[in-house]
N, C-alpha and C. Protein backbone atom coordinates (compact mmCIF):
# COMPACT_ATOMS: atom_id res chain seq x y z
N MET A 1 8.06 24.86 4.69
CA MET A 1 9.61 25.30 4.82
C MET A 1 9.79 26.12 3.44
N SER A 2 10.65 27.32 3.66
CA SER A 2 10.87 28.07 2.67
C SER A 2 12.07 27.57 1.85
N ALA A 3 12.10 27.96 0.59
CA ALA A 3 13.10 27.41 -0.28
C ALA A 3 14.64 27.68 0.22
N GLY A 4 14.75 28.74 1.14
CA GLY A 4 16.13 29.09 1.42
C GLY A 4 16.51 28.41 2.85
N THR A 5 15.60 27.73 3.37
CA THR A 5 15.82 27.08 4.63
C THR A 5 16.83 25.62 4.41
N ASP A 6 17.73 25.63 5.32
CA ASP A 6 18.24 24.37 5.30
C ASP A 6 18.11 23.54 6.43
N PRO A 7 17.37 22.46 6.41
CA PRO A 7 17.03 21.83 7.57
C PRO A 7 18.11 21.04 8.18
N ALA A 8 19.14 20.67 7.49
CA ALA A 8 20.15 20.12 8.17
C ALA A 8 20.77 21.10 9.24
N SER A 9 20.46 22.29 9.32
CA SER A 9 20.99 23.16 10.48
C SER A 9 20.35 23.06 11.54
N SER A 10 19.33 22.17 11.56
CA SER A 10 18.45 22.15 12.86
C SER A 10 19.35 21.03 13.76
N ILE A 11 20.28 20.37 13.16
CA ILE A 11 20.96 19.51 13.93
C ILE A 11 21.61 20.19 15.07
N PRO A 12 21.25 19.80 16.44
CA PRO A 12 21.80 20.37 17.54
C PRO A 12 23.40 20.32 17.90
N ALA A 13 23.94 21.39 18.44
CA ALA A 13 25.27 21.29 18.32
C ALA A 13 25.62 20.32 19.22
N ALA A 14 25.12 19.89 20.09
CA ALA A 14 25.39 18.82 20.97
C ALA A 14 25.48 17.42 20.33
N ALA A 15 24.93 17.39 19.07
CA ALA A 15 24.99 16.18 18.21
C ALA A 15 26.22 16.06 17.34
N LEU A 16 26.96 17.09 17.24
CA LEU A 16 28.17 17.05 16.55
C LEU A 16 29.32 16.47 17.15
N PRO A 17 29.85 15.30 16.69
CA PRO A 17 30.98 14.55 17.37
C PRO A 17 32.16 15.33 17.38
N ALA A 18 33.08 15.19 18.53
CA ALA A 18 34.15 15.44 18.63
C ALA A 18 35.23 14.88 17.72
N ALA A 19 34.83 13.52 17.34
CA ALA A 19 35.50 12.66 16.58
C ALA A 19 34.69 12.06 15.58
N LEU A 20 35.31 11.11 14.66
CA LEU A 20 34.56 10.76 13.40
C LEU A 20 33.38 9.66 14.17
N PRO A 21 32.34 9.48 13.46
CA PRO A 21 31.48 8.35 13.97
C PRO A 21 31.97 7.02 14.28
N ARG A 22 31.52 6.29 14.93
CA ARG A 22 32.07 4.94 15.41
C ARG A 22 31.00 3.82 15.11
N LEU A 23 31.60 2.68 14.77
CA LEU A 23 30.86 1.55 14.37
C LEU A 23 30.17 1.04 15.67
N ASN A 24 28.79 0.51 15.40
CA ASN A 24 28.05 0.07 16.26
C ASN A 24 27.44 0.85 17.31
N GLU A 25 27.37 2.32 16.87
CA GLU A 25 26.90 3.30 17.72
C GLU A 25 25.64 3.81 17.07
N PRO A 26 24.65 4.43 17.72
CA PRO A 26 23.56 4.94 17.04
C PRO A 26 24.09 6.32 15.76
N ALA A 27 23.45 6.04 14.85
CA ALA A 27 23.70 7.01 13.93
C ALA A 27 23.12 8.31 14.20
N ILE A 28 23.74 9.42 13.77
CA ILE A 28 23.39 10.77 14.11
C ILE A 28 22.10 11.42 13.41
N PRO A 29 20.97 11.57 14.15
CA PRO A 29 19.85 12.08 13.54
C PRO A 29 20.12 13.35 12.64
N PHE A 30 19.30 13.34 11.40
CA PHE A 30 19.36 14.53 10.52
C PHE A 30 18.09 14.61 9.92
N ARG A 31 17.79 15.74 9.30
CA ARG A 31 16.71 16.14 8.52
C ARG A 31 17.15 16.88 7.31
N VAL A 32 16.77 16.58 6.08
CA VAL A 32 17.42 17.18 4.85
C VAL A 32 16.42 17.46 3.75
N ARG A 33 16.51 18.38 2.95
CA ARG A 33 15.77 18.35 1.75
C ARG A 33 16.52 17.41 0.67
N THR A 34 15.71 16.90 -0.18
CA THR A 34 16.42 15.88 -1.07
C THR A 34 15.44 15.97 -2.38
N THR A 35 16.05 15.46 -3.34
CA THR A 35 15.45 15.53 -4.66
C THR A 35 14.09 14.77 -4.56
N HIS A 36 13.74 13.98 -3.46
CA HIS A 36 12.46 13.16 -3.33
C HIS A 36 11.70 13.89 -2.29
N GLY A 37 12.06 15.08 -1.91
CA GLY A 37 11.26 15.75 -0.80
C GLY A 37 12.26 15.59 0.58
N GLU A 38 11.53 16.06 1.68
CA GLU A 38 12.23 16.00 2.82
C GLU A 38 12.43 14.60 3.30
N ARG A 39 13.62 14.11 3.89
CA ARG A 39 13.92 13.00 4.59
C ARG A 39 14.62 13.38 5.97
N SER A 40 14.48 12.39 6.70
CA SER A 40 15.19 12.28 8.15
C SER A 40 15.62 10.83 8.37
N LEU A 41 16.43 10.76 9.15
CA LEU A 41 16.98 9.35 9.62
C LEU A 41 15.87 8.37 10.03
N ALA A 42 15.09 9.10 10.74
CA ALA A 42 13.69 8.46 11.16
C ALA A 42 13.03 7.76 10.22
N ASP A 43 13.12 8.46 9.04
CA ASP A 43 12.18 7.84 7.84
C ASP A 43 12.61 6.55 7.45
N TYR A 44 13.87 6.23 7.72
CA TYR A 44 14.21 4.86 7.26
C TYR A 44 14.34 3.95 8.26
N ARG A 45 13.87 4.07 9.48
CA ARG A 45 13.82 3.27 10.59
C ARG A 45 13.12 1.89 10.18
N GLY A 46 13.59 0.65 10.40
CA GLY A 46 13.04 -0.40 9.70
C GLY A 46 13.65 -0.91 8.47
N ARG A 47 14.44 -0.19 7.97
CA ARG A 47 15.29 -0.63 6.67
C ARG A 47 16.64 -0.22 6.83
N TRP A 48 17.52 -0.86 5.97
CA TRP A 48 18.77 -0.56 5.96
C TRP A 48 18.99 0.92 5.28
N LEU A 49 19.94 1.70 5.43
CA LEU A 49 20.42 2.89 4.61
C LEU A 49 21.57 2.92 4.38
N LEU A 50 21.90 3.09 2.98
CA LEU A 50 23.36 3.47 2.71
C LEU A 50 23.48 5.01 2.49
N LEU A 51 23.88 5.68 3.34
CA LEU A 51 24.14 7.02 3.24
C LEU A 51 25.55 7.39 2.77
N PHE A 52 25.46 8.24 1.51
CA PHE A 52 27.03 8.17 0.86
C PHE A 52 27.12 9.63 0.47
N ALA A 53 28.40 10.13 0.72
CA ALA A 53 28.63 11.63 0.29
C ALA A 53 29.37 11.74 -0.92
N HIS A 54 29.28 12.49 -1.78
CA HIS A 54 30.09 12.80 -2.85
C HIS A 54 30.61 14.19 -2.79
N PRO A 55 31.83 14.29 -3.35
CA PRO A 55 32.39 15.80 -3.46
C PRO A 55 31.75 17.10 -4.16
N ALA A 56 31.02 16.46 -5.38
CA ALA A 56 30.50 17.63 -6.18
C ALA A 56 29.54 16.91 -7.25
N ASP A 57 28.62 17.75 -7.52
CA ASP A 57 27.64 17.40 -8.67
C ASP A 57 28.54 17.75 -9.97
N PHE A 58 28.13 17.05 -11.03
CA PHE A 58 28.70 17.49 -12.39
C PHE A 58 30.20 17.21 -12.49
N THR A 59 30.68 16.24 -11.69
CA THR A 59 32.07 15.92 -11.93
C THR A 59 32.22 14.26 -12.27
N PRO A 60 33.11 14.02 -13.06
CA PRO A 60 33.11 12.75 -13.79
C PRO A 60 32.98 11.52 -12.80
N VAL A 61 33.92 11.38 -11.79
CA VAL A 61 33.90 10.21 -10.99
C VAL A 61 32.55 10.13 -10.21
N CYS A 62 32.01 11.10 -9.64
CA CYS A 62 30.65 11.20 -9.00
C CYS A 62 29.68 10.76 -9.90
N THR A 63 29.78 11.23 -11.02
CA THR A 63 28.84 10.70 -12.16
C THR A 63 28.79 9.15 -12.44
N SER A 64 29.99 8.69 -12.60
CA SER A 64 30.12 7.26 -12.59
C SER A 64 29.70 6.54 -11.40
N GLU A 65 29.96 7.01 -10.34
CA GLU A 65 29.34 6.31 -9.21
C GLU A 65 27.78 6.39 -9.17
N PHE A 66 27.42 7.47 -9.35
CA PHE A 66 25.68 7.41 -9.41
C PHE A 66 25.31 6.47 -10.44
N ILE A 67 25.75 6.55 -11.50
CA ILE A 67 25.23 5.61 -12.51
C ILE A 67 25.27 4.17 -12.25
N ALA A 68 26.50 3.83 -11.55
CA ALA A 68 26.61 2.21 -11.15
C ALA A 68 25.59 2.06 -9.97
N LEU A 69 25.51 3.01 -9.17
CA LEU A 69 24.40 2.61 -7.98
C LEU A 69 23.09 2.43 -8.48
N ALA A 70 22.64 3.45 -9.62
CA ALA A 70 21.56 3.38 -10.30
C ALA A 70 21.17 2.02 -10.75
N LYS A 71 22.22 1.51 -11.43
CA LYS A 71 22.07 0.30 -12.11
C LYS A 71 21.78 -0.76 -11.06
N LEU A 72 22.22 -0.74 -10.01
CA LEU A 72 22.14 -1.82 -8.76
C LEU A 72 21.16 -1.65 -7.81
N HIS A 73 20.05 -0.33 -8.18
CA HIS A 73 19.16 0.17 -7.17
C HIS A 73 18.07 -1.08 -6.88
N ASP A 74 17.61 -1.70 -7.71
CA ASP A 74 16.94 -2.91 -7.70
C ASP A 74 17.39 -4.06 -6.69
N ARG A 75 18.54 -4.20 -7.12
CA ARG A 75 19.19 -5.21 -6.05
C ARG A 75 19.27 -4.81 -4.63
N PHE A 76 19.72 -3.21 -4.48
CA PHE A 76 19.81 -2.96 -3.14
C PHE A 76 18.13 -2.90 -2.50
N GLN A 77 17.14 -2.72 -3.07
CA GLN A 77 15.93 -2.61 -2.76
C GLN A 77 15.43 -4.01 -2.24
N ALA A 78 15.82 -4.92 -2.97
CA ALA A 78 15.64 -6.39 -2.74
C ALA A 78 16.22 -7.00 -1.40
N LEU A 79 17.17 -6.36 -0.94
CA LEU A 79 17.84 -6.38 0.36
C LEU A 79 17.17 -5.34 1.41
N GLY A 80 16.28 -4.67 1.05
CA GLY A 80 15.56 -3.74 2.15
C GLY A 80 16.56 -2.64 2.30
N CYS A 81 17.30 -2.21 1.41
CA CYS A 81 18.31 -1.09 1.70
C CYS A 81 18.06 -0.06 0.77
N ASP A 82 17.88 1.07 1.32
CA ASP A 82 17.82 2.34 0.66
C ASP A 82 18.89 3.04 0.37
N LEU A 83 18.90 3.95 -0.72
CA LEU A 83 20.19 4.70 -0.71
C LEU A 83 19.83 6.22 -0.64
N LEU A 84 20.84 7.05 -0.13
CA LEU A 84 20.55 8.37 0.04
C LEU A 84 22.07 9.02 -0.26
N GLY A 85 22.16 9.73 -1.35
CA GLY A 85 23.26 10.55 -1.57
C GLY A 85 23.26 11.90 -0.97
N LEU A 86 24.41 12.45 -0.74
CA LEU A 86 24.55 13.80 -0.11
C LEU A 86 25.74 14.50 -0.42
N SER A 87 25.66 15.87 -0.74
CA SER A 87 26.81 16.83 -1.09
C SER A 87 26.49 18.13 -0.62
N VAL A 88 27.37 19.05 -0.52
CA VAL A 88 27.19 20.20 -0.06
C VAL A 88 26.63 21.15 -1.21
N ASP A 89 26.31 20.66 -2.33
CA ASP A 89 25.77 21.33 -3.36
C ASP A 89 24.38 21.58 -3.10
N SER A 90 23.53 22.51 -3.69
CA SER A 90 22.10 22.92 -3.50
C SER A 90 21.42 21.83 -4.05
N LEU A 91 20.09 21.93 -3.60
CA LEU A 91 18.95 20.85 -4.12
C LEU A 91 18.73 21.25 -5.66
N PHE A 92 19.00 22.50 -6.10
CA PHE A 92 18.82 22.82 -7.56
C PHE A 92 19.89 22.38 -8.39
N ALA A 93 21.06 22.09 -7.80
CA ALA A 93 22.20 21.74 -8.37
C ALA A 93 21.92 20.16 -8.68
N HIS A 94 21.38 19.59 -7.51
CA HIS A 94 21.16 18.10 -7.59
C HIS A 94 20.11 17.91 -8.69
N LEU A 95 19.23 18.61 -8.81
CA LEU A 95 17.98 18.43 -9.70
C LEU A 95 18.59 18.67 -11.18
N ALA A 96 19.33 19.60 -11.41
CA ALA A 96 20.14 19.78 -12.82
C ALA A 96 20.70 18.61 -13.08
N TRP A 97 21.67 18.05 -12.17
CA TRP A 97 22.55 16.85 -12.46
C TRP A 97 21.70 15.54 -12.69
N VAL A 98 20.67 15.39 -11.96
CA VAL A 98 19.98 14.28 -12.28
C VAL A 98 19.16 14.26 -13.73
N ARG A 99 18.75 15.49 -14.12
CA ARG A 99 18.30 15.70 -15.36
C ARG A 99 19.56 15.53 -16.59
N SER A 100 20.70 16.06 -16.13
CA SER A 100 21.80 15.94 -17.00
C SER A 100 22.20 14.52 -17.39
N ILE A 101 22.14 13.59 -16.05
CA ILE A 101 22.41 12.25 -16.29
C ILE A 101 21.42 11.53 -17.18
N ARG A 102 20.19 11.79 -16.91
CA ARG A 102 19.33 11.22 -17.63
C ARG A 102 19.35 11.75 -19.35
N GLU A 103 19.69 12.81 -19.47
CA GLU A 103 19.59 13.19 -20.83
C GLU A 103 21.09 12.88 -21.60
N SER A 104 22.04 12.67 -20.94
CA SER A 104 23.38 12.35 -21.48
C SER A 104 23.69 10.77 -21.47
N PHE A 105 23.06 10.11 -20.39
CA PHE A 105 23.57 8.67 -20.26
C PHE A 105 22.31 7.92 -20.47
N GLY A 106 21.17 8.54 -20.40
CA GLY A 106 20.02 7.53 -20.53
C GLY A 106 19.61 6.82 -18.98
N ILE A 107 20.15 7.32 -17.99
CA ILE A 107 20.08 6.69 -16.60
C ILE A 107 19.24 7.62 -15.83
N GLU A 108 18.18 6.93 -15.25
CA GLU A 108 17.43 7.59 -14.07
C GLU A 108 18.16 7.40 -12.73
N ILE A 109 18.16 8.44 -11.95
CA ILE A 109 18.71 8.16 -10.70
C ILE A 109 17.55 8.02 -9.75
N PRO A 110 17.47 6.59 -9.38
CA PRO A 110 16.18 6.50 -8.55
C PRO A 110 16.07 6.72 -7.28
N PHE A 111 17.33 7.06 -6.57
CA PHE A 111 17.35 7.23 -5.20
C PHE A 111 17.38 8.99 -4.83
N ALA A 112 17.10 9.38 -3.77
CA ALA A 112 17.20 10.75 -3.24
C ALA A 112 18.74 11.09 -3.03
N ILE A 113 18.72 12.28 -3.33
CA ILE A 113 19.96 13.16 -3.15
C ILE A 113 19.83 14.25 -2.30
N ALA A 114 20.53 14.40 -1.29
CA ALA A 114 20.31 15.19 -0.21
C ALA A 114 21.14 16.63 -0.40
N GLU A 115 20.64 17.77 -0.16
CA GLU A 115 21.67 18.93 0.03
C GLU A 115 22.12 19.20 1.42
N ASP A 116 23.04 19.79 1.46
CA ASP A 116 23.72 20.08 2.96
C ASP A 116 24.58 21.44 2.69
N PRO A 117 23.88 22.61 2.44
CA PRO A 117 24.71 23.73 2.07
C PRO A 117 25.22 24.34 3.29
N SER A 118 24.89 23.99 4.51
CA SER A 118 25.51 24.62 5.77
C SER A 118 26.61 23.45 6.34
N MET A 119 26.62 22.60 5.72
CA MET A 119 27.61 21.48 6.11
C MET A 119 27.39 20.65 7.46
N ALA A 120 26.20 20.88 7.92
CA ALA A 120 25.90 20.53 9.25
C ALA A 120 25.80 18.86 9.39
N VAL A 121 25.33 18.35 8.30
CA VAL A 121 25.46 16.78 8.25
C VAL A 121 26.84 16.28 7.99
N ALA A 122 27.51 16.96 7.04
CA ALA A 122 28.95 16.69 6.78
C ALA A 122 29.88 16.71 7.98
N ALA A 123 29.75 17.76 8.66
CA ALA A 123 30.41 17.90 9.98
C ALA A 123 30.09 16.70 10.88
N ALA A 124 28.83 16.63 11.13
CA ALA A 124 28.38 15.47 12.15
C ALA A 124 29.01 14.12 11.77
N TYR A 125 28.88 13.82 10.40
CA TYR A 125 29.36 12.60 10.06
C TYR A 125 30.98 12.57 9.56
N GLY A 126 31.63 13.77 9.80
CA GLY A 126 32.93 13.48 9.63
C GLY A 126 33.39 13.38 8.09
N MET A 127 32.53 14.10 7.22
CA MET A 127 32.69 14.06 5.79
C MET A 127 33.60 14.99 5.17
N ILE A 128 33.88 15.95 6.07
CA ILE A 128 34.67 17.13 5.67
C ILE A 128 36.05 16.88 5.98
N HIS A 129 37.08 16.86 5.10
CA HIS A 129 38.47 16.54 5.41
C HIS A 129 39.37 17.72 4.82
N PRO A 130 39.47 18.66 5.59
CA PRO A 130 40.05 19.81 5.08
C PRO A 130 41.50 19.48 4.32
N ALA A 131 42.24 18.70 4.55
CA ALA A 131 43.37 18.30 3.79
C ALA A 131 43.04 17.74 2.43
N ASP A 132 42.03 17.17 2.28
CA ASP A 132 41.62 16.70 0.88
C ASP A 132 41.15 17.73 0.09
N ALA A 133 40.07 18.34 0.53
CA ALA A 133 39.37 19.41 -0.16
C ALA A 133 38.63 20.22 0.99
N SER A 134 38.78 21.72 0.81
CA SER A 134 38.38 22.39 1.88
C SER A 134 36.74 22.56 2.10
N THR A 135 36.20 22.57 1.06
CA THR A 135 34.86 22.62 0.97
C THR A 135 33.79 21.45 0.63
N ALA A 136 34.56 20.48 -0.07
CA ALA A 136 33.83 19.23 -0.37
C ALA A 136 33.88 18.03 0.51
N THR A 137 32.86 17.46 0.33
CA THR A 137 32.79 16.24 1.26
C THR A 137 33.65 15.19 0.55
N VAL A 138 34.23 14.38 1.27
CA VAL A 138 35.13 13.14 0.65
C VAL A 138 34.28 12.12 0.26
N ARG A 139 34.69 11.08 -0.26
CA ARG A 139 33.61 9.75 -0.67
C ARG A 139 33.34 9.17 0.65
N ALA A 140 32.65 9.41 1.29
CA ALA A 140 32.19 8.93 2.70
C ALA A 140 31.04 8.10 2.31
N THR A 141 30.99 6.78 3.05
CA THR A 141 29.88 5.84 2.94
C THR A 141 29.59 5.42 4.46
N PHE A 142 28.26 5.33 4.78
CA PHE A 142 27.71 5.13 6.05
C PHE A 142 26.58 4.02 5.67
N LEU A 143 26.70 2.80 6.23
CA LEU A 143 25.73 1.69 6.42
C LEU A 143 24.96 1.82 7.74
N ILE A 144 23.69 2.04 7.60
CA ILE A 144 22.96 2.17 8.86
C ILE A 144 22.05 1.13 9.08
N ASP A 145 21.87 0.28 9.96
CA ASP A 145 20.93 -0.94 10.13
C ASP A 145 19.50 -0.39 10.35
N PRO A 146 18.40 -1.48 10.34
CA PRO A 146 17.07 -1.06 10.48
C PRO A 146 16.75 -0.24 11.98
N ALA A 147 17.73 -0.71 12.92
CA ALA A 147 17.64 -0.08 14.48
C ALA A 147 18.27 0.97 14.33
N GLY A 148 18.86 1.59 13.44
CA GLY A 148 19.55 3.02 13.34
C GLY A 148 20.88 3.10 13.90
N ILE A 149 21.50 1.77 13.84
CA ILE A 149 23.04 1.62 14.29
C ILE A 149 23.99 1.63 13.21
N LEU A 150 25.08 2.30 13.22
CA LEU A 150 26.06 2.53 12.28
C LEU A 150 26.82 1.19 12.19
N ARG A 151 26.84 0.39 10.97
CA ARG A 151 27.31 -0.83 10.93
C ARG A 151 28.57 -0.86 9.76
N LEU A 152 28.75 0.22 9.21
CA LEU A 152 29.85 0.42 8.31
C LEU A 152 30.22 1.74 8.02
N LEU A 153 31.62 2.23 8.16
CA LEU A 153 31.94 3.46 7.42
C LEU A 153 33.16 3.34 6.58
N THR A 154 33.28 4.10 5.54
CA THR A 154 34.48 3.99 4.79
C THR A 154 34.74 5.42 4.42
N TYR A 155 35.97 5.72 3.90
CA TYR A 155 36.35 7.18 3.48
C TYR A 155 37.37 6.84 2.33
N TYR A 156 36.90 7.40 1.13
CA TYR A 156 37.83 7.31 -0.11
C TYR A 156 38.09 8.66 -0.57
N PRO A 157 39.35 8.76 -1.00
CA PRO A 157 39.85 10.22 -1.48
C PRO A 157 38.92 10.50 -2.74
N THR A 158 38.84 11.96 -3.04
CA THR A 158 38.00 12.27 -3.94
C THR A 158 38.27 11.83 -5.40
N ALA A 159 39.62 11.47 -5.61
CA ALA A 159 40.00 11.09 -7.01
C ALA A 159 39.71 9.49 -7.34
N ILE A 160 39.34 8.74 -6.28
CA ILE A 160 39.20 7.36 -6.38
C ILE A 160 37.51 7.10 -6.25
N GLY A 161 37.11 6.43 -7.28
CA GLY A 161 35.66 6.02 -7.17
C GLY A 161 35.52 4.74 -6.47
N ARG A 162 34.32 4.79 -5.71
CA ARG A 162 33.97 3.57 -5.00
C ARG A 162 33.26 2.51 -5.81
N SER A 163 33.42 1.25 -5.22
CA SER A 163 32.79 0.01 -5.92
C SER A 163 31.20 -0.16 -5.51
N ALA A 164 30.32 -0.01 -6.39
CA ALA A 164 28.95 -0.16 -6.19
C ALA A 164 28.74 -1.67 -5.73
N PRO A 165 29.36 -2.73 -6.66
CA PRO A 165 29.13 -4.09 -6.28
C PRO A 165 29.56 -4.30 -4.85
N GLU A 166 30.61 -3.59 -4.45
CA GLU A 166 31.32 -3.95 -3.08
C GLU A 166 30.29 -3.36 -2.02
N MET A 167 29.59 -2.18 -2.29
CA MET A 167 28.58 -1.80 -1.35
C MET A 167 27.33 -2.68 -1.09
N LEU A 168 26.92 -3.26 -2.38
CA LEU A 168 25.95 -4.22 -2.29
C LEU A 168 26.49 -5.53 -1.51
N ARG A 169 27.59 -6.14 -1.99
CA ARG A 169 28.13 -7.10 -1.16
C ARG A 169 28.06 -6.99 0.34
N THR A 170 28.65 -5.80 0.87
CA THR A 170 28.54 -5.52 2.31
C THR A 170 27.20 -5.68 2.98
N VAL A 171 26.27 -5.14 2.27
CA VAL A 171 24.81 -5.13 2.88
C VAL A 171 24.54 -6.55 3.14
N ALA A 172 24.84 -7.27 1.83
CA ALA A 172 24.26 -8.79 1.92
C ALA A 172 25.01 -9.56 2.93
N ALA A 173 26.41 -9.25 3.10
CA ALA A 173 27.12 -9.96 4.11
C ALA A 173 26.79 -9.59 5.46
N LEU A 174 26.63 -8.28 5.90
CA LEU A 174 26.23 -7.89 7.19
C LEU A 174 24.68 -8.53 7.53
N GLN A 175 24.04 -8.55 6.66
CA GLN A 175 22.56 -9.34 6.91
C GLN A 175 22.90 -10.70 7.01
N GLN A 176 23.68 -11.33 6.19
CA GLN A 176 24.07 -12.89 6.46
C GLN A 176 24.49 -13.36 7.89
N ALA A 177 25.51 -12.40 8.28
CA ALA A 177 26.19 -12.33 9.44
C ALA A 177 25.36 -12.23 10.57
N ASP A 178 24.26 -11.25 10.48
CA ASP A 178 23.34 -10.97 11.65
C ASP A 178 22.35 -12.24 11.81
N ALA A 179 21.81 -12.69 10.75
CA ALA A 179 20.91 -13.87 10.60
C ALA A 179 21.45 -15.11 11.03
N ALA A 180 22.79 -15.47 10.80
CA ALA A 180 23.24 -16.68 11.12
C ALA A 180 24.14 -16.65 12.27
N GLY A 181 24.52 -15.51 12.85
CA GLY A 181 25.35 -15.40 13.92
C GLY A 181 26.86 -16.17 13.30
N LEU A 182 27.21 -15.64 12.37
CA LEU A 182 28.41 -16.17 11.70
C LEU A 182 29.27 -14.99 11.14
N SER A 183 30.60 -15.19 10.65
CA SER A 183 31.21 -14.18 9.94
C SER A 183 31.42 -14.73 8.58
N THR A 184 31.70 -13.64 7.71
CA THR A 184 31.69 -13.96 6.20
C THR A 184 33.39 -13.81 5.88
N PRO A 185 33.90 -14.49 5.19
CA PRO A 185 35.35 -14.48 5.02
C PRO A 185 35.53 -13.29 3.70
N GLY A 186 36.81 -13.27 3.62
CA GLY A 186 37.15 -12.12 2.58
C GLY A 186 36.78 -12.73 1.16
N ASP A 187 36.36 -11.66 0.45
CA ASP A 187 35.71 -12.06 -0.93
C ASP A 187 34.49 -12.76 -0.85
N TRP A 188 33.78 -12.90 0.29
CA TRP A 188 32.56 -13.89 0.32
C TRP A 188 31.49 -13.09 -0.64
N GLN A 189 30.75 -13.99 -1.38
CA GLN A 189 29.69 -13.65 -1.98
C GLN A 189 28.36 -14.38 -1.50
N PRO A 190 27.23 -13.84 -1.71
CA PRO A 190 26.05 -14.55 -1.30
C PRO A 190 25.94 -15.97 -1.79
N GLY A 191 25.65 -16.88 -0.96
CA GLY A 191 25.32 -18.29 -1.37
C GLY A 191 26.84 -19.02 -0.97
N GLN A 192 27.75 -18.42 -0.56
CA GLN A 192 28.85 -19.09 -0.15
C GLN A 192 28.91 -19.34 1.38
N ASP A 193 29.88 -20.33 1.81
CA ASP A 193 29.89 -20.80 3.21
C ASP A 193 30.40 -19.55 3.85
N ALA A 194 30.00 -19.58 5.36
CA ALA A 194 30.39 -18.61 6.34
C ALA A 194 31.39 -19.30 7.42
N LEU A 195 31.77 -18.54 8.18
CA LEU A 195 32.79 -18.94 9.16
C LEU A 195 32.20 -18.89 10.46
N LEU A 196 32.59 -20.00 11.26
CA LEU A 196 32.31 -20.08 12.46
C LEU A 196 33.19 -19.26 13.49
N PRO A 197 32.67 -18.74 14.62
CA PRO A 197 33.54 -18.19 15.55
C PRO A 197 34.65 -18.98 15.98
N PRO A 198 35.73 -18.56 16.26
CA PRO A 198 37.03 -19.33 16.75
C PRO A 198 36.64 -20.11 18.09
N PRO A 199 37.21 -21.09 18.37
CA PRO A 199 36.91 -21.88 19.67
C PRO A 199 37.43 -21.22 20.71
N LEU A 200 36.68 -21.33 21.79
CA LEU A 200 37.17 -20.71 23.18
C LEU A 200 37.96 -21.72 24.10
N THR A 201 37.79 -22.90 23.87
CA THR A 201 38.54 -23.79 24.83
C THR A 201 39.36 -24.78 24.17
N VAL A 202 40.22 -25.48 24.78
CA VAL A 202 41.04 -26.56 24.07
C VAL A 202 40.23 -27.71 23.51
N ALA A 203 39.25 -28.23 24.11
CA ALA A 203 38.28 -29.14 23.91
C ALA A 203 37.68 -28.69 22.57
N GLU A 204 37.15 -27.62 22.55
CA GLU A 204 36.59 -27.30 21.24
C GLU A 204 37.56 -27.13 20.17
N ALA A 205 38.68 -26.69 20.35
CA ALA A 205 39.87 -26.56 19.37
C ALA A 205 39.99 -28.08 18.75
N ASP A 206 40.13 -28.98 19.86
CA ASP A 206 40.57 -30.42 19.42
C ASP A 206 39.49 -30.94 18.55
N ALA A 207 38.15 -30.60 19.15
CA ALA A 207 37.04 -31.06 18.27
C ALA A 207 36.89 -30.50 16.86
N ARG A 208 37.45 -29.37 16.62
CA ARG A 208 37.27 -28.62 15.22
C ARG A 208 38.47 -29.32 14.47
N ALA A 209 39.56 -29.67 15.12
CA ALA A 209 40.43 -30.52 14.37
C ALA A 209 40.09 -31.85 13.74
N ARG A 210 39.51 -32.49 14.77
CA ARG A 210 39.04 -33.89 14.34
C ARG A 210 37.95 -33.70 13.36
N ASP A 211 37.28 -32.50 13.19
CA ASP A 211 36.15 -32.67 12.24
C ASP A 211 36.61 -32.35 10.81
N GLY A 212 38.23 -32.07 10.67
CA GLY A 212 38.74 -32.11 9.30
C GLY A 212 38.74 -30.60 8.83
N ALA A 213 38.63 -29.69 9.72
CA ALA A 213 38.71 -28.23 9.28
C ALA A 213 40.25 -28.09 8.84
N PRO A 214 40.50 -27.01 7.93
CA PRO A 214 41.80 -26.79 7.58
C PRO A 214 42.96 -26.57 8.64
N ALA A 215 42.12 -25.73 9.75
CA ALA A 215 42.89 -25.43 10.81
C ALA A 215 41.91 -25.28 12.10
N TRP A 216 42.34 -25.50 13.31
CA TRP A 216 41.48 -25.70 14.26
C TRP A 216 40.91 -24.29 14.65
N TYR A 217 41.16 -23.38 14.11
CA TYR A 217 40.80 -22.02 14.20
C TYR A 217 39.84 -21.31 13.09
N TYR A 218 39.85 -22.41 12.06
CA TYR A 218 39.22 -21.87 10.76
C TYR A 218 38.25 -22.99 10.23
N GLN A 219 37.03 -22.63 10.53
CA GLN A 219 36.02 -23.70 10.20
C GLN A 219 34.79 -22.87 9.46
N SER A 220 34.39 -23.56 8.26
CA SER A 220 33.06 -22.69 7.66
C SER A 220 31.96 -23.77 7.50
N ARG A 221 30.83 -23.35 7.19
CA ARG A 221 29.71 -24.18 7.06
C ARG A 221 28.76 -23.42 6.11
N PRO A 222 27.86 -24.13 5.43
CA PRO A 222 26.87 -23.43 4.42
C PRO A 222 25.99 -22.84 5.26
N VAL A 223 25.33 -21.77 4.69
CA VAL A 223 24.24 -21.06 5.35
C VAL A 223 23.02 -21.32 4.45
N ALA A 224 21.94 -21.47 5.08
CA ALA A 224 20.51 -21.42 4.37
C ALA A 224 20.36 -20.14 3.52
N PRO A 225 19.98 -20.27 2.34
CA PRO A 225 19.56 -18.96 1.72
C PRO A 225 18.42 -18.32 2.45
């Protein structure tokens, strides 16, 4: 592939959605050049993928986010989750930025950063919000499960940095919910109790009340690690 080729532009027009991506639907395929070589969505099959867009390289908020994610990279890997950053900046800007972060902050960025100069991936995933910035991707985050299904999406304004620990917590929470068939409460952390689905019959609601639950519709239980 030539240096000037943008593999993201190979996304077929039919794949570009008329609306934002939706939860629990297949993630849109892509192929991109990254700081770790070419990557496609298919390369991550069988693992979780946190795909996150940032507005621009060499900007303070984006730099802080990348440093925070780099520090948690091993914990993401322990959950079987890979990270893939993306912006409309060129591959060469990404390479220079990674080197600058290493030289200025002593932090290695261990995950790949993809270029998207044609904005094909950004358009497909709804990362461009013209009212926020005409050419920059907003702080969009997409968590894709091992089967290629979109399980989480968030959009932050360009001026507000995201929480790397919250991204990590969400991966762990989704994995826990999938494994146990339960839900996780607000502010849940690994090792804490999960929530049972609400009762569907009067008899089940009465049984929950007799079990000493705080409310018949709210019951938790420990989950095996």
